[in-house]
PDB file of N, CA and C in Angstrom:
ATOM      1  N   MET A   1      62.322 106.744  93.054  1.00  0.00           N
ATOM      2  CA  MET A   1      62.593 105.603  92.105  1.00  0.00           C
ATOM      3  C   MET A   1      62.703 104.529  93.103  1.00  0.00           C
ATOM      4  N   ASN A   2      62.208 103.396  93.309  1.00  0.00           N
ATOM      5  CA  ASN A   2      62.114 102.034  93.671  1.00  0.00           C
ATOM      6  C   ASN A   2      63.541 101.166  92.905  1.00  0.00           C
ATOM      7  N   THR A   3      64.246 100.739  93.349  1.00  0.00           N
ATOM      8  CA  THR A   3      65.095  99.888  92.403  1.00  0.00           C
ATOM      9  C   THR A   3      65.329  98.472  93.330  1.00  0.00           C
ATOM     10  N   VAL A   4      65.193  97.521  92.910  1.00  0.00           N
ATOM     11  CA  VAL A   4      65.373  96.174  93.807  1.00  0.00           C
ATOM     12  C   VAL A   4      67.159  96.012  93.699  1.00  0.00           C
ATOM     13  N   PRO A   5      67.777  95.684  94.846  1.00  0.00           N
ATOM     14  CA  PRO A   5      68.958  95.464  94.879  1.00  0.00           C
ATOM     15  C   PRO A   5      69.472  94.219  93.949  1.00  0.00           C
ATOM     16  N   GLN A   6      70.141  94.308  93.318  1.00  0.00           N
ATOM     17  CA  GLN A   6      70.845  93.117  92.513  1.00  0.00           C
ATOM     18  C   GLN A   6      71.677  92.087  93.509  1.00  0.00           C
ATOM     19  N   PRO A   7      71.579  90.612  93.462  1.00  0.00           N
ATOM     20  CA  PRO A   7      72.110  90.059  94.441  1.00  0.00           C
ATOM     21  C   PRO A   7      73.730  90.090  93.696  1.00  0.00           C
ATOM     22  N   GLU A   8      74.396  90.026  94.714  1.00  0.00           N
ATOM     23  CA  GLU A   8      75.908  89.945  94.141  1.00  0.00           C
ATOM     24  C   GLU A   8      76.559  88.264  93.303  1.00  0.00           C
ATOM     25  N   LEU A   9      77.112  88.707  92.559  1.00  0.00           N
ATOM     26  CA  LEU A   9      77.566  87.812  91.812  1.00  0.00           C
ATOM     27  C   LEU A   9      78.956  87.656  91.722  1.00  0.00           C
ATOM     28  N   LEU A  10      79.316  86.223  91.631  1.00  0.00           N
ATOM     29  CA  LEU A  10      81.002  85.965  91.629  1.00  0.00           C
ATOM     30  C   LEU A  10      81.319  85.088  90.124  1.00  0.00           C
ATOM     31  N   THR A  11      82.057  85.454  89.515  1.00  0.00           N
ATOM     32  CA  THR A  11      82.448  84.675  88.110  1.00  0.00           C
ATOM     33  C   THR A  11      83.362  83.397  88.750  1.00  0.00           C
ATOM     34  N   PRO A  12      83.550  82.084  87.987  1.00  0.00           N
ATOM     35  CA  PRO A  12      84.186  81.118  88.447  1.00  0.00           C
ATOM     36  C   PRO A  12      85.513  81.255  89.022  1.00  0.00           C
ATOM     37  N   ARG A  13      86.390  82.577  87.993  1.00  0.00           N
ATOM     38  CA  ARG A  13      87.185  82.973  88.661  1.00  0.00           C
ATOM     39  C   ARG A  13      87.471  83.447  90.254  1.00  0.00           C
ATOM     40  N   GLN A  14      86.366  84.252  90.473  1.00  0.00           N
ATOM     41  CA  GLN A  14      86.300  84.890  91.595  1.00  0.00           C
ATOM     42  C   GLN A  14      86.292  84.100  92.805  1.00  0.00           C
ATOM     43  N   LEU A  15      85.165  82.981  92.219  1.00  0.00           N
ATOM     44  CA  LEU A  15      84.880  82.042  93.536  1.00  0.00           C
ATOM     45  C   LEU A  15      86.094  80.900  93.662  1.00  0.00           C
ATOM     46  N   ALA A  16      86.691  80.766  92.703  1.00  0.00           N
ATOM     47  CA  ALA A  16      88.084  79.870  92.768  1.00  0.00           C
ATOM     48  C   ALA A  16      88.947  80.728  93.556  1.00  0.00           C
ATOM     49  N   ALA A  17      89.058  81.785  93.356  1.00  0.00           N
ATOM     50  CA  ALA A  17      90.218  82.171  94.380  1.00  0.00           C
ATOM     51  C   ALA A  17      89.934  82.344  95.695  1.00  0.00           C
ATOM     52  N   ARG A  18      88.708  82.483  96.125  1.00  0.00           N
ATOM     53  CA  ARG A  18      87.899  82.613  97.290  1.00  0.00           C
ATOM     54  C   ARG A  18      88.088  81.481  98.086  1.00  0.00           C
ATOM     55  N   TRP A  19      87.706  80.436  97.532  1.00  0.00           N
ATOM     56  CA  TRP A  19      88.027  78.929  97.926  1.00  0.00           C
ATOM     57  C   TRP A  19      89.464  78.439  97.809  1.00  0.00           C
ATOM     58  N   GLY A  20      90.313  78.899  97.055  1.00  0.00           N
ATOM     59  CA  GLY A  20      91.508  78.075  96.548  1.00  0.00           C
ATOM     60  C   GLY A  20      91.912  77.418  95.642  1.00  0.00           C
ATOM     61  N   LEU A  21      90.645  77.032  94.957  1.00  0.00           N
ATOM     62  CA  LEU A  21      90.429  76.040  94.133  1.00  0.00           C
ATOM     63  C   LEU A  21      90.816  76.744  92.560  1.00  0.00           C
ATOM     64  N   SER A  22      90.748  75.533  91.722  1.00  0.00           N
ATOM     65  CA  SER A  22      91.141  75.893  90.219  1.00  0.00           C
ATOM     66  C   SER A  22      89.730  75.892  89.707  1.00  0.00           C
ATOM     67  N   GLU A  23      89.499  76.747  88.584  1.00  0.00           N
ATOM     68  CA  GLU A  23      88.370  76.685  88.024  1.00  0.00           C
ATOM     69  C   GLU A  23      87.904  75.591  87.448  1.00  0.00           C
ATOM     70  N   LYS A  24      88.978  74.631  86.932  1.00  0.00           N
ATOM     71  CA  LYS A  24      88.533  73.581  86.184  1.00  0.00           C
ATOM     72  C   LYS A  24      87.676  72.663  87.284  1.00  0.00           C
ATOM     73  N   THR A  25      88.209  72.615  88.889  1.00  0.00           N
ATOM     74  CA  THR A  25      87.371  72.204  89.551  1.00  0.00           C
ATOM     75  C   THR A  25      86.129  72.520  89.964  1.00  0.00           C
ATOM     76  N   LEU A  26      85.912  73.833  89.644  1.00  0.00           N
ATOM     77  CA  LEU A  26      84.523  74.073  89.808  1.00  0.00           C
ATOM     78  C   LEU A  26      83.487  73.835  88.455  1.00  0.00           C
ATOM     79  N   GLU A  27      84.277  73.895  87.285  1.00  0.00           N
ATOM     80  CA  GLU A  27      83.656  73.229  85.980  1.00  0.00           C
ATOM     81  C   GLU A  27      83.573  71.719  86.114  1.00  0.00           C
ATOM     82  N   ARG A  28      84.215  70.897  87.332  1.00  0.00           N
ATOM     83  CA  ARG A  28      83.844  69.352  87.262  1.00  0.00           C
ATOM     84  C   ARG A  28      82.587  69.417  88.295  1.00  0.00           C
ATOM     85  N   TRP A  29      82.641  70.162  89.212  1.00  0.00           N
ATOM     86  CA  TRP A  29      81.604  70.150  90.134  1.00  0.00           C
ATOM     87  C   TRP A  29      79.913  70.571  89.714  1.00  0.00           C
ATOM     88  N   ARG A  30      80.073  71.401  88.585  1.00  0.00           N
ATOM     89  CA  ARG A  30      79.089  71.653  87.884  1.00  0.00           C
ATOM     90  C   ARG A  30      78.512  70.384  87.096  1.00  0.00           C
ATOM     91  N   MET A  31      79.204  69.904  86.500  1.00  0.00           N
ATOM     92  CA  MET A  31      79.208  68.784  85.596  1.00  0.00           C
ATOM     93  C   MET A  31      79.014  67.872  86.432  1.00  0.00           C
ATOM     94  N   LEU A  32      79.061  67.577  87.623  1.00  0.00           N
ATOM     95  CA  LEU A  32      78.593  66.404  88.399  1.00  0.00           C
ATOM     96  C   LEU A  32      77.221  66.913  89.348  1.00  0.00           C
ATOM     97  N   GLY A  33      77.170  68.341  89.565  1.00  0.00           N
ATOM     98  CA  GLY A  33      76.394  68.946  90.459  1.00  0.00           C
ATOM     99  C   GLY A  33      76.205  68.695  91.876  1.00  0.00           C
ATOM    100  N   SER A  34      77.626  68.697  92.106  1.00  0.00           N
ATOM    101  CA  SER A  34      78.062  68.599  93.454  1.00  0.00           C
ATOM    102  C   SER A  34      78.436  69.880  94.207  1.00  0.00           C
ATOM    103  N   GLY A  35      78.681  71.029  93.130  1.00  0.00           N
ATOM    104  CA  GLY A  35      79.003  72.322  93.935  1.00  0.00           C
ATOM    105  C   GLY A  35      77.975  73.235  94.133  1.00  0.00           C
ATOM    106  N   PRO A  36      78.180  74.420  94.180  1.00  0.00           N
ATOM    107  CA  PRO A  36      77.093  75.329  94.674  1.00  0.00           C
ATOM    108  C   PRO A  36      76.328  75.687  93.639  1.00  0.00           C
ATOM    109  N   VAL A  37      75.157  75.985  93.787  1.00  0.00           N
ATOM    110  CA  VAL A  37      74.158  76.204  92.776  1.00  0.00           C
ATOM    111  C   VAL A  37      74.641  77.725  91.726  1.00  0.00           C
ATOM    112  N   PHE A  38      74.258  77.718  90.532  1.00  0.00           N
ATOM    113  CA  PHE A  38      75.038  78.613  89.519  1.00  0.00           C
ATOM    114  C   PHE A  38      73.743  79.223  88.555  1.00  0.00           C
ATOM    115  N   LEU A  39      74.142  80.293  88.148  1.00  0.00           N
ATOM    116  CA  LEU A  39      73.560  80.737  87.241  1.00  0.00           C
ATOM    117  C   LEU A  39      74.182  80.420  85.851  1.00  0.00           C
ATOM    118  N   LYS A  40      73.630  80.062  84.498  1.00  0.00           N
ATOM    119  CA  LYS A  40      74.013  80.106  83.280  1.00  0.00           C
ATOM    120  C   LYS A  40      73.064  81.222  82.604  1.00  0.00           C
ATOM    121  N   LEU A  41      74.222  82.141  82.188  1.00  0.00           N
ATOM    122  CA  LEU A  41      73.356  83.174  81.159  1.00  0.00           C
ATOM    123  C   LEU A  41      74.176  83.188  80.151  1.00  0.00           C
ATOM    124  N   GLY A  42      73.593  82.701  79.078  1.00  0.00           N
ATOM    125  CA  GLY A  42      74.373  82.499  77.776  1.00  0.00           C
ATOM    126  C   GLY A  42      75.310  81.484  77.951  1.00  0.00           C
ATOM    127  N   GLY A  43      76.784  81.981  77.685  1.00  0.00           N
ATOM    128  CA  GLY A  43      77.662  81.507  77.772  1.00  0.00           C
ATOM    129  C   GLY A  43      78.540  81.861  79.181  1.00  0.00           C
ATOM    130  N   ARG A  44      77.818  82.793  79.758  1.00  0.00           N
ATOM    131  CA  ARG A  44      78.651  82.949  81.454  1.00  0.00           C
ATOM    132  C   ARG A  44      77.942  82.141  82.366  1.00  0.00           C
ATOM    133  N   VAL A  45      78.846  81.472  83.225  1.00  0.00           N
ATOM    134  CA  VAL A  45      78.443  81.128  84.657  1.00  0.00           C
ATOM    135  C   VAL A  45      78.779  82.103  85.731  1.00  0.00           C
ATOM    136  N   LEU A  46      77.718  82.137  86.567  1.00  0.00           N
ATOM    137  CA  LEU A  46      77.561  83.150  87.598  1.00  0.00           C
ATOM    138  C   LEU A  46      77.060  82.327  89.029  1.00  0.00           C
ATOM    139  N   TYR A  47      77.635  82.885  90.299  1.00  0.00           N
ATOM    140  CA  TYR A  47      77.711  82.378  91.300  1.00  0.00           C
ATOM    141  C   TYR A  47      76.940  83.531  92.432  1.00  0.00           C
ATOM    142  N   GLN A  48      75.438  83.307  92.945  1.00  0.00           N
ATOM    143  CA  GLN A  48      75.194  84.183  94.090  1.00  0.00           C
ATOM    144  C   GLN A  48      75.878  83.903  95.244  1.00  0.00           C
ATOM    145  N   VAL A  49      76.216  85.370  95.892  1.00  0.00           N
ATOM    146  CA  VAL A  49      77.122  85.275  97.066  1.00  0.00           C
ATOM    147  C   VAL A  49      76.074  84.327  97.984  1.00  0.00           C
ATOM    148  N   VAL A  50      74.980  84.307  98.058  1.00  0.00           N
ATOM    149  CA  VAL A  50      74.083  83.878  98.890  1.00  0.00           C
ATOM    150  C   VAL A  50      73.875  82.230  98.811  1.00  0.00           C
ATOM    151  N   GLU A  51      74.063  81.967  97.472  1.00  0.00           N
ATOM    152  CA  GLU A  51      74.151  80.523  97.451  1.00  0.00           C
ATOM    153  C   GLU A  51      75.548  79.831  97.980  1.00  0.00           C
ATOM    154  N   ILE A  52      76.538  80.498  97.543  1.00  0.00           N
ATOM    155  CA  ILE A  52      78.178  80.447  98.098  1.00  0.00           C
ATOM    156  C   ILE A  52      77.879  79.999  99.353  1.00  0.00           C
ATOM    157  N   GLU A  53      77.246  80.891 100.252  1.00  0.00           N
ATOM    158  CA  GLU A  53      77.380  80.862 101.668  1.00  0.00           C
ATOM    159  C   GLU A  53      76.386  79.819 101.845  1.00  0.00           C
ATOM    160  N   ALA A  54      75.513  79.523 101.135  1.00  0.00           N
ATOM    161  CA  ALA A  54      74.584  78.310 101.909  1.00  0.00           C
ATOM    162  C   ALA A  54      75.288  77.138 101.408  1.00  0.00           C
ATOM    163  N   HIS A  55      76.378  77.008 100.341  1.00  0.00           N
ATOM    164  CA  HIS A  55      77.055  75.787 100.309  1.00  0.00           C
ATOM    165  C   HIS A  55      78.108  75.522 101.285  1.00  0.00           C
ATOM    166  N   GLU A  56      78.577  76.540 101.628  1.00  0.00           N
ATOM    167  CA  GLU A  56      79.786  76.608 102.846  1.00  0.00           C
ATOM    168  C   GLU A  56      78.925  76.060 103.988  1.00  0.00           C
ATOM    169  N   LEU A  57      77.713  76.738 104.070  1.00  0.00           N
ATOM    170  CA  LEU A  57      77.296  75.961 105.434  1.00  0.00           C
ATOM    171  C   LEU A  57      76.936  74.647 105.535  1.00  0.00           C
ATOM    172  N   LYS A  58      76.771  74.072 104.118  1.00  0.00           N
ATOM    173  CA  LYS A  58      76.111  72.659 103.929  1.00  0.00           C
ATOM    174  C   LYS A  58      77.530  71.941 104.302  1.00  0.00           C
ATOM    175  N   ARG A  59      78.886  72.447 103.938  1.00  0.00           N
ATOM    176  CA  ARG A  59      80.031  71.832 104.167  1.00  0.00           C
ATOM    177  C   ARG A  59      80.660  71.715 105.197  1.00  0.00           C
ATOM    178  N   THR A  60      80.386  72.698 105.891  1.00  0.00           N
ATOM    179  CA  THR A  60      80.679  72.662 107.311  1.00  0.00           C
ATOM    180  C   THR A  60      80.834  71.570 108.061  1.00  0.00           C
ATOM    181  N   ARG A  61      81.880  71.352 108.636  1.00  0.00           N
ATOM    182  CA  ARG A  61      81.863  70.146 109.607  1.00  0.00           C
ATOM    183  C   ARG A  61      82.615  70.243 111.211  1.00  0.00           C
ATOM    184  N   ARG A  62      82.131  69.695 112.251  1.00  0.00           N
ATOM    185  CA  ARG A  62      82.446  69.525 113.355  1.00  0.00           C
ATOM    186  C   ARG A  62      83.868  68.989 113.739  1.00  0.00           C
ATOM    187  N   CYS A  63      83.780  67.501 112.868  1.00  0.00           N
ATOM    188  CA  CYS A  63      84.745  66.818 112.807  1.00  0.00           C
ATOM    189  C   CYS A  63      84.877  65.935 111.877  1.00  0.00           C
ATOM    190  N   THR A  64      85.972  65.122 111.357  1.00  0.00           N
ATOM    191  CA  THR A  64      86.343  64.324 110.637  1.00  0.00           C
ATOM    192  C   THR A  64      85.591  63.158 110.335  1.00  0.00           C
ATOM    193  N   ALA A  65      84.999  62.541 111.683  1.00  0.00           N
ATOM    194  CA  ALA A  65      84.733  61.235 111.784  1.00  0.00           C
ATOM    195  C   ALA A  65      83.054  61.307 111.656  1.00  0.00           C
ATOM    196  N   GLY A  66      82.671  61.117 110.673  1.00  0.00           N
ATOM    197  CA  GLY A  66      81.210  61.271 110.414  1.00  0.00           C
ATOM    198  C   GLY A  66      80.541  62.322 109.366  1.00  0.00           C
ATOM    199  N   ASN A  67      79.303  62.263 109.222  1.00  0.00           N
ATOM    200  CA  ASN A  67      78.797  63.078 107.903  1.00  0.00           C
ATOM    201  C   ASN A  67      77.878  64.132 108.318  1.00  0.00           C
ATOM    202  N   GLN A  68      77.821  64.153 109.878  1.00  0.00           N
ATOM    203  CA  GLN A  68      76.726  65.398 110.274  1.00  0.00           C
ATOM    204  C   GLN A  68      77.428  66.628 110.223  1.00  0.00           C
ATOM    205  N   PRO A  69      76.882  67.688 109.347  1.00  0.00           N
ATOM    206  CA  PRO A  69      76.984  68.638 109.154  1.00  0.00           C
ATOM    207  C   PRO A  69      77.053  69.792 110.406  1.00  0.00           C
ATOM    208  N   ALA A  70      78.206  70.538 110.726  1.00  0.00           N
ATOM    209  CA  ALA A  70      78.207  71.608 111.918  1.00  0.00           C
ATOM    210  C   ALA A  70      77.108  72.187 112.391  1.00  0.00           C
ATOM    211  N   ALA A  71      76.000  72.676 111.248  1.00  0.00           N
ATOM    212  CA  ALA A  71      75.170  73.575 111.095  1.00  0.00           C
ATOM    213  C   ALA A  71      73.669  72.841 112.024  1.00  0.00           C
ATOM    214  N   GLU A  72      73.619  71.358 111.781  1.00  0.00           N
ATOM    215  CA  GLU A  72      72.817  70.253 112.371  1.00  0.00           C
ATOM    216  C   GLU A  72      73.291  70.330 113.548  1.00  0.00           C
ATOM    217  N   VAL A  73      74.393  70.221 114.527  1.00  0.00           N
ATOM    218  CA  VAL A  73      74.881  70.339 115.830  1.00  0.00           C
ATOM    219  C   VAL A  73      74.308  71.313 116.432  1.00  0.00           C
ATOM    220  N   TRP A  74      74.695  72.511 115.576  1.00  0.00           N
ATOM    221  CA  TRP A  74      74.505  74.045 116.097  1.00  0.00           C
ATOM    222  C   TRP A  74      73.173  74.420 116.388  1.00  0.00           C
ATOM    223  N   ALA A  75      72.516  73.671 115.424  1.00  0.00           N
ATOM    224  CA  ALA A  75      71.017  74.246 115.443  1.00  0.00           C
ATOM    225  C   ALA A  75      70.125  73.866 116.731  1.00  0.00           C
TER     226      ALA A  75
END
């Protein structure tokens, strides 16, 4: 039987713990569109780990002086 592996999903509580943030911060980011991409299924909010990692990569910096992401510097 062929089964498609499901993407790993995190709840806002799990992501907040991973990043050391409050769930309210993640909620505010969702309203502003500044956080990672998320799924809204009914009343539940879930984050795919692949989207979390992509967001982390975009936010990685080499230094504080400037806006050039480290991913562009390393590429």
